[in-house]
C-alpha cells in the first residue's frame, strides 16, 4: 500500500494581489483653498511566497489546496498617504521543494534552507499618486496611476528528498529490508515487486553518536527515465543524495548487467547523477558460501562492493563503515 501521508507533487493555482490605485487628490483648507496635489501612492499587491520548514517532510498539507490568492493593495489617499500593501500568502514547504511553471515546466527555484523565503509570484505594483506628476508646466495634475493587476499562474511544487544516501535498485532487491535493519524506519516489506510505492527515510546511527540519513527510493525498472513504471515520479529523489548505494540480490542472473541497466537509467534521466559516489551492496548473500563469493567478485563492476545479508545481519557494520568513508571523503 502507498503511504497516503506522503505527497511529493502538487499543482496549485496562484493569484497575486493587484496593486492599489494612486490617489488624485488636492490639498484643501480654509487658509489654502487651492492647494497643490497631495495624492498618495497605492500599496502593492500581495506576493505568493514559499518558506522552507525543516519540520515538514511532505507536501500533504497542500494536497487539497488548489487555489491560493493574495490580498489586493489599498488605494492611496490625500496628504500623501500610501495605501497598505496587500496581504502576502506564505506557503510553508519541506526542504528540497522545487517550484516550476506548470505550463512550460520552467525551473524557478529550490528551497533548501530552513526559513528560506522565495517569492513564487509577485504582487502588482501600486500606482503613483498625482503628486508625482506635478511639474512647472502642470501644477495641478489630475492624473494618478492605476495599480498593476495581479498575476494568475499554475505552478508545480515537487519534493526532492534530502538524504545522504539513496538506495538504488530494481523492485524486490531488498532495499526496504536493509533500511529497516539499519535504522528505526518501518517500511512495508513483502516478497513481491513494488512493495515500496513512496520513498522512506531512516536515520542510521554510526559510532560516537554520528549518523547519516538513508532514503529507500521505490524500485527502478528498465525504461524508468522515459516514465515507465514509477519512473520519473521518483528518480528526482535521487538527485539530492550525496552517495548512491546500489542494491542487487545475490540470486540475480547477472549482477553486472543489472548494475549497468540501473546506471544507464540514472544517466539518461540526469547525467550529473553519474558524478556521485557509488557503492554496490550484494544483498541476500546469506545464500552464498565463501567460495562462491570469491568466484563472484571477479565478475563484479569496478566499484566498492560489500556482500550483506539483512536476514542474518552480516556485512552491515562493514557497509556502514564504507558509507561513512565515502560521505566524508
Protein backbone atom coordinates (compact mmCIF):
# COMPACT_ATOMS: atom_id res chain seq x y z
CA UNK A 1 0.00 0.00 0.00
CA UNK A 2 1.15 3.53 -0.74
CA UNK A 3 1.56 5.78 2.26
CA UNK A 4 -1.29 8.32 1.91
CA UNK A 5 0.58 10.75 4.14
CA UNK A 6 3.48 11.12 1.72
CA UNK A 7 2.77 13.60 -1.06
CA UNK A 8 5.70 14.80 -3.20
CA UNK A 9 3.86 16.54 -6.08
CA UNK A 10 1.15 19.20 -6.09
CA UNK A 11 -0.21 21.57 -8.71
CA UNK A 12 -1.71 24.81 -7.45
CA UNK A 13 -3.28 27.89 -9.00
CA UNK A 14 -1.69 31.07 -7.61
CA UNK A 15 -3.06 34.59 -7.95
CA UNK A 16 -1.06 37.50 -6.61
CA UNK A 17 -2.78 40.65 -5.42
CA UNK A 18 -3.41 43.71 -7.58
CA UNK A 19 -1.70 46.97 -6.66
CA UNK A 20 -3.78 49.78 -5.21
CA UNK A 21 -4.53 52.83 -7.32
CA UNK A 22 -2.68 56.08 -6.78
CA UNK A 23 -4.75 58.95 -5.45
CA UNK A 24 -5.67 62.04 -7.50
CA UNK A 25 -6.18 64.35 -4.57
CA UNK A 26 -5.57 68.05 -3.89
CA UNK A 27 -4.88 69.69 -0.60
CA UNK A 28 -7.72 71.95 0.54
CA UNK A 29 -8.05 74.01 3.69
CA UNK A 30 -9.69 77.21 4.83
CA UNK A 31 -6.39 79.04 4.58
CA UNK A 32 -5.38 77.36 1.32
CA UNK A 33 -8.46 76.57 -0.80
CA UNK A 34 -6.37 75.89 -3.92
CA UNK A 35 -3.58 73.73 -2.59
CA UNK A 36 -1.40 71.51 -4.72
CA UNK A 37 -1.67 67.80 -5.45
CA UNK A 38 -1.11 65.53 -2.46
CA UNK A 39 -2.37 62.19 -3.67
CA UNK A 40 -0.55 59.22 -2.14
CA UNK A 41 0.62 56.03 -3.82
CA UNK A 42 -1.28 52.79 -3.83
CA UNK A 43 0.03 49.81 -1.91
CA UNK A 44 1.50 46.85 -3.75
CA UNK A 45 -0.46 43.66 -4.18
CA UNK A 46 0.30 40.68 -2.00
CA UNK A 47 3.00 38.20 -3.01
CA UNK A 48 2.75 34.40 -3.05
CA UNK A 49 5.79 33.25 -1.05
CA UNK A 50 7.33 29.84 -0.34
CA UNK A 51 9.09 29.35 3.00
CA UNK A 52 11.22 26.37 3.99
CA UNK A 53 10.25 24.46 7.13
CA UNK A 54 12.57 21.70 8.30
CA UNK A 55 9.76 20.19 10.37
CA UNK A 56 7.85 19.26 7.21
CA UNK A 57 8.74 16.17 5.17
CA UNK A 58 5.83 16.02 2.72
CA UNK A 59 3.52 18.27 0.67
CA UNK A 60 0.48 16.58 2.20
CA UNK A 61 -0.85 19.86 3.65
CA UNK A 62 -1.13 21.23 0.09
CA UNK A 63 -2.79 18.17 -1.43
CA UNK A 64 -6.27 19.72 -1.40
CA UNK A 65 -5.14 23.34 -1.82
CA UNK A 66 -5.90 24.06 -5.46
CA UNK A 67 -6.18 27.86 -5.34
CA UNK A 68 -4.08 30.41 -3.45
CA UNK A 69 -4.96 34.10 -3.62
CA UNK A 70 -3.05 37.02 -2.09
CA UNK A 71 -4.67 40.27 -0.98
CA UNK A 72 -5.02 43.39 -3.10
CA UNK A 73 -3.20 46.62 -2.28
CA UNK A 74 -5.17 49.55 -0.88
CA UNK A 75 -5.50 52.78 -2.86
CA UNK A 76 -3.55 55.84 -1.81
CA UNK A 77 -5.28 58.85 -0.29
CA UNK A 78 -4.75 62.52 0.39
CA UNK A 79 -1.98 64.03 2.49
CA UNK A 80 0.45 61.77 0.59
CA UNK A 81 -0.79 58.72 2.48
CA UNK A 82 0.33 55.47 0.86
CA UNK A 83 -2.17 52.65 0.80
CA UNK A 84 -1.45 49.48 2.72
CA UNK A 85 0.17 46.58 0.91
CA UNK A 86 -1.98 43.58 0.11
CA UNK A 87 -1.64 40.61 2.43
CA UNK A 88 1.07 38.17 1.38
CA UNK A 89 0.35 34.46 1.36
CA UNK A 90 3.21 32.39 2.81
CA UNK A 91 3.19 28.70 1.92
CA UNK A 92 5.40 26.52 4.12
CA UNK A 93 7.11 23.66 2.28
CA UNK A 94 9.66 20.97 3.23
CA UNK A 95 13.30 21.43 2.38
CA UNK A 96 14.08 20.16 -1.10
CA UNK A 97 10.92 21.58 -2.67
CA UNK A 98 11.31 22.67 -6.30
CA UNK A 99 8.97 25.23 -7.89
CA UNK A 100 8.19 25.10 -11.61
CA UNK A 101 5.80 26.79 -14.02
CA UNK A 102 3.08 24.31 -14.87
CA UNK A 103 2.60 25.31 -18.49
CA UNK A 104 6.26 25.20 -19.55
CA UNK A 105 7.94 23.16 -16.83
CA UNK A 106 10.41 26.04 -16.37
CA UNK A 107 12.50 25.67 -13.19
CA UNK A 108 12.05 28.66 -10.89
CA UNK A 109 13.95 27.87 -7.69
CA UNK A 110 14.51 25.29 -4.97
CA UNK A 111 14.00 25.70 -1.23
CA UNK A 112 16.90 24.09 0.66
CA UNK A 113 17.22 26.05 3.94
CA UNK A 114 15.01 26.32 7.00
CA UNK A 115 13.06 29.63 6.98
CA UNK A 116 14.34 30.43 3.47
CA UNK A 117 11.74 32.60 1.71
CA UNK A 118 11.37 32.95 -2.06
CA UNK A 119 8.69 34.84 -3.96
CA UNK A 120 6.75 32.47 -6.19
CA UNK A 121 4.53 35.17 -7.71
CA UNK A 122 4.98 38.93 -7.34
CA UNK A 123 2.06 41.15 -6.47
CA UNK A 124 1.20 44.06 -8.75
CA UNK A 125 2.89 47.39 -8.06
CA UNK A 126 0.84 50.17 -6.56
CA UNK A 127 0.02 53.17 -8.75
CA UNK A 128 1.67 56.55 -8.21
CA UNK A 129 -0.39 59.38 -6.79
CA UNK A 130 -0.82 62.67 -8.66
CA UNK A 131 1.86 64.31 -6.52
CA UNK A 132 4.46 62.52 -8.67
CA UNK A 133 3.21 64.19 -11.85
CA UNK A 134 3.34 67.85 -10.90
CA UNK A 135 5.74 69.97 -12.91
CA UNK A 136 6.50 73.56 -13.77
CA UNK A 137 4.05 73.35 -16.66
CA UNK A 138 1.38 71.31 -14.90
CA UNK A 139 0.93 72.34 -11.30
CA UNK A 140 -2.42 70.60 -10.89
CA UNK A 141 -2.19 67.15 -12.46
CA UNK A 142 -5.47 65.32 -12.18
CA UNK A 143 -3.91 62.08 -13.26
CA UNK A 144 -2.82 59.20 -10.98
CA UNK A 145 -1.69 55.75 -11.97
CA UNK A 146 -3.92 52.73 -11.52
CA UNK A 147 -2.36 49.81 -9.72
CA UNK A 148 -0.87 46.95 -11.70
CA UNK A 149 -3.13 43.91 -11.88
CA UNK A 150 -2.12 40.75 -10.07
CA UNK A 151 -0.86 37.69 -11.92
CA UNK A 152 -2.53 34.30 -12.11
CA UNK A 153 -0.44 31.22 -12.89
CA UNK A 154 -0.44 27.49 -12.28
CA UNK A 155 2.65 26.21 -10.50
CA UNK A 156 4.01 22.77 -9.75
CA UNK A 157 5.73 22.01 -6.46
CA UNK A 158 7.89 18.90 -6.41
CA UNK A 159 9.71 17.48 -3.41
CA UNK A 160 13.19 16.01 -3.67
CA UNK A 161 14.11 14.13 -0.53
CA UNK A 162 17.14 15.43 1.34
CA UNK A 163 19.16 12.37 2.31
CA UNK A 164 22.84 11.47 2.50
CA UNK A 165 22.47 8.05 0.88
CA UNK A 166 19.94 6.88 -1.69
CA UNK A 167 19.14 3.19 -2.18
CA UNK A 168 19.02 2.35 -5.88
CA UNK A 169 17.83 -0.99 -7.21
CA UNK A 170 15.22 -2.95 -9.05
CA UNK A 171 11.96 -3.83 -7.30
CA UNK A 172 12.30 -6.56 -4.68
CA UNK A 173 16.08 -6.10 -4.36
CA UNK A 174 15.94 -5.94 -0.55
CA UNK A 175 16.14 -2.14 -0.18
CA UNK A 176 13.27 -1.82 2.31
CA UNK A 177 14.55 -4.70 4.41
CA UNK A 178 18.01 -3.12 4.51
CA UNK A 179 16.54 0.22 5.61
CA UNK A 180 14.55 -1.49 8.36
CA UNK A 181 17.60 -3.23 9.87
CA UNK A 182 19.94 -0.23 9.57
CA UNK A 183 17.51 2.30 11.04
CA UNK A 184 14.30 2.60 13.03
CA UNK A 185 12.25 3.10 9.85
CA UNK A 186 9.45 0.59 9.30
CA UNK A 187 8.74 0.41 5.57
CA UNK A 188 6.31 -2.15 4.22
CA UNK A 189 8.16 -5.32 3.27
CA UNK A 190 6.83 -8.20 1.17
CA UNK A 191 8.14 -10.71 -1.35
CA UNK A 192 6.70 -9.06 -4.45
CA UNK A 193 7.78 -6.17 -6.69
CA UNK A 194 6.83 -2.56 -5.97
CA UNK A 195 6.11 -3.06 -2.29
CA UNK A 196 7.59 0.41 -1.83
CA UNK A 197 5.40 2.98 -3.56
CA UNK A 198 6.61 6.02 -1.63
CA UNK A 199 10.15 6.94 -0.51
CA UNK A 200 11.09 6.16 3.08
CA UNK A 201 13.73 7.87 5.19
CA UNK A 202 15.71 6.35 8.02
CA UNK A 203 18.37 7.71 10.39
CA UNK A 204 21.31 5.30 10.56
CA UNK A 205 23.42 5.60 13.68
CA UNK A 206 27.15 5.11 13.30
CA UNK A 207 29.74 5.20 16.05
CA UNK A 208 30.37 8.06 18.54
CA UNK A 209 26.83 9.44 18.12
CA UNK A 210 27.42 10.09 14.42
CA UNK A 211 24.67 9.34 11.93
CA UNK A 212 23.55 9.68 8.32
CA UNK A 213 20.17 9.68 6.56
CA UNK A 214 19.29 6.79 4.25
CA UNK A 215 16.48 7.02 1.67
CA UNK A 216 14.71 3.97 0.26
CA UNK A 217 13.68 5.01 -3.27
CA UNK A 218 10.95 2.93 -4.97
CA UNK A 219 12.37 0.38 -7.40
CA UNK A 220 13.61 1.39 -10.83
CA UNK A 221 12.86 -0.63 -13.96
CA UNK A 222 14.43 -0.50 -17.39
CA UNK A 223 12.95 2.50 -19.22
CA UNK A 224 12.32 4.44 -15.99
CA UNK A 225 13.88 7.60 -17.48
CA UNK A 226 11.07 7.55 -20.05
CA UNK A 227 8.44 7.38 -17.34
CA UNK A 228 7.93 3.60 -17.31
CA UNK A 229 6.89 2.02 -14.03
CA UNK A 230 7.21 4.59 -11.25
CA UNK A 231 9.90 6.22 -13.41
CA UNK A 232 10.18 9.98 -13.39
CA UNK A 233 7.97 10.26 -10.32
CA UNK A 234 10.77 9.02 -8.06
CA UNK A 235 14.02 9.41 -9.98
CA UNK A 236 14.11 13.06 -8.89
CA UNK A 237 14.56 12.00 -5.25
CA UNK A 238 17.96 10.54 -6.12
CA UNK A 239 19.23 13.96 -7.26
CA UNK A 240 19.51 15.17 -3.65
CA UNK A 241 21.58 12.22 -2.37
CA UNK A 242 25.32 12.59 -1.82
CA UNK A 243 26.00 8.86 -2.22
CA UNK A 244 24.21 6.17 -4.23
CA UNK A 245 24.01 2.69 -2.73
CA UNK A 246 23.15 0.16 -5.43
CA UNK A 247 21.44 -2.95 -4.10
CA UNK A 248 21.38 -6.11 -6.24
CA UNK A 249 20.39 -9.51 -4.80
CA UNK A 250 22.89 -12.37 -4.81
CA UNK A 251 20.49 -14.60 -6.75
CA UNK A 252 20.50 -12.22 -9.73
CA UNK A 253 21.29 -13.93 -13.01
CA UNK A 254 23.77 -11.19 -13.96
CA UNK A 255 24.76 -8.63 -11.31
CA UNK A 256 26.96 -6.71 -13.76
CA UNK A 257 24.15 -6.28 -16.27
CA UNK A 258 21.65 -5.17 -13.59
CA UNK A 259 24.13 -2.58 -12.36
CA UNK A 260 24.71 -1.35 -15.94
CA UNK A 261 20.96 -1.01 -16.55
CA UNK A 262 20.46 0.93 -13.31
CA UNK A 263 23.37 3.21 -14.09
CA UNK A 264 22.07 3.78 -17.61
CA UNK A 265 18.64 4.81 -16.32
CA UNK A 266 20.18 7.34 -13.94
CA UNK A 267 22.42 8.77 -16.65
CA UNK A 268 19.56 9.09 -19.14
CA UNK A 269 17.46 10.91 -16.55
CA UNK A 270 20.24 13.25 -15.38
CA UNK A 271 23.90 12.83 -16.45
CA UNK A 272 25.05 14.63 -13.29
CA UNK A 273 23.94 11.61 -11.25
CA UNK A 274 26.88 9.69 -12.72
CA UNK A 275 29.27 12.03 -10.87
CA UNK A 276 28.03 10.88 -7.47
CA UNK A 277 29.94 8.38 -5.36
CA UNK A 278 28.64 4.83 -5.66
CA UNK A 279 28.76 1.65 -3.59
CA UNK A 280 27.38 -1.77 -4.52
CA UNK A 281 25.71 -3.91 -1.86
CA UNK A 282 25.05 -7.52 -2.89
CA UNK A 283 22.01 -8.35 -0.77
CA UNK A 284 20.66 -11.74 0.34
CA UNK A 285 24.23 -13.05 0.44
CA UNK A 286 23.38 -15.46 3.28
CA UNK A 287 22.65 -17.94 0.48
CA UNK A 288 26.30 -17.81 -0.66
CA UNK A 289 29.34 -19.60 0.71
CA UNK A 290 32.84 -18.14 0.76
CA UNK A 291 33.96 -19.95 -2.38
CA UNK A 292 31.02 -18.62 -4.36
CA UNK A 293 31.63 -15.09 -3.08
CA UNK A 294 35.28 -15.25 -4.21
CA UNK A 295 34.17 -16.50 -7.62
CA UNK A 296 31.57 -13.74 -7.99
CA UNK A 297 33.99 -10.95 -7.05
CA UNK A 298 35.95 -11.39 -10.27
CA UNK A 299 32.81 -10.66 -12.31
CA UNK A 300 31.53 -7.65 -10.37
CA UNK A 301 31.60 -4.00 -11.57
CA UNK A 302 34.61 -1.89 -10.64
CA UNK A 303 33.33 -0.09 -7.53
CA UNK A 304 33.41 -0.70 -3.76
CA UNK A 305 31.31 -3.82 -3.14
CA UNK A 306 30.00 -5.24 0.15
CA UNK A 307 28.25 -8.60 0.50
CA UNK A 308 25.48 -8.25 3.05
CA UNK A 309 22.51 -10.10 4.48
CA UNK A 310 19.72 -8.19 6.18
CA UNK A 311 18.28 -11.52 7.35
CA UNK A 312 21.25 -12.59 9.48
CA UNK A 313 22.75 -9.07 9.70
CA UNK A 314 26.14 -9.93 8.21
CA UNK A 315 28.23 -7.29 6.47
CA UNK A 316 26.14 -4.40 7.84
CA UNK A 317 28.89 -2.95 10.03
CA UNK A 318 31.34 -3.07 7.13
CA UNK A 319 28.71 -1.41 4.90
CA UNK A 320 28.15 1.45 7.36
CA UNK A 321 31.91 1.97 7.67
CA UNK A 322 32.28 2.19 3.90
CA UNK A 323 29.34 4.57 3.60
CA UNK A 324 30.83 6.83 6.27
CA UNK A 325 34.21 6.91 4.47
CA UNK A 326 32.56 7.82 1.15
CA UNK A 327 30.42 10.54 2.72
CA UNK A 328 33.42 12.17 4.36
CA UNK A 329 35.97 11.99 1.57
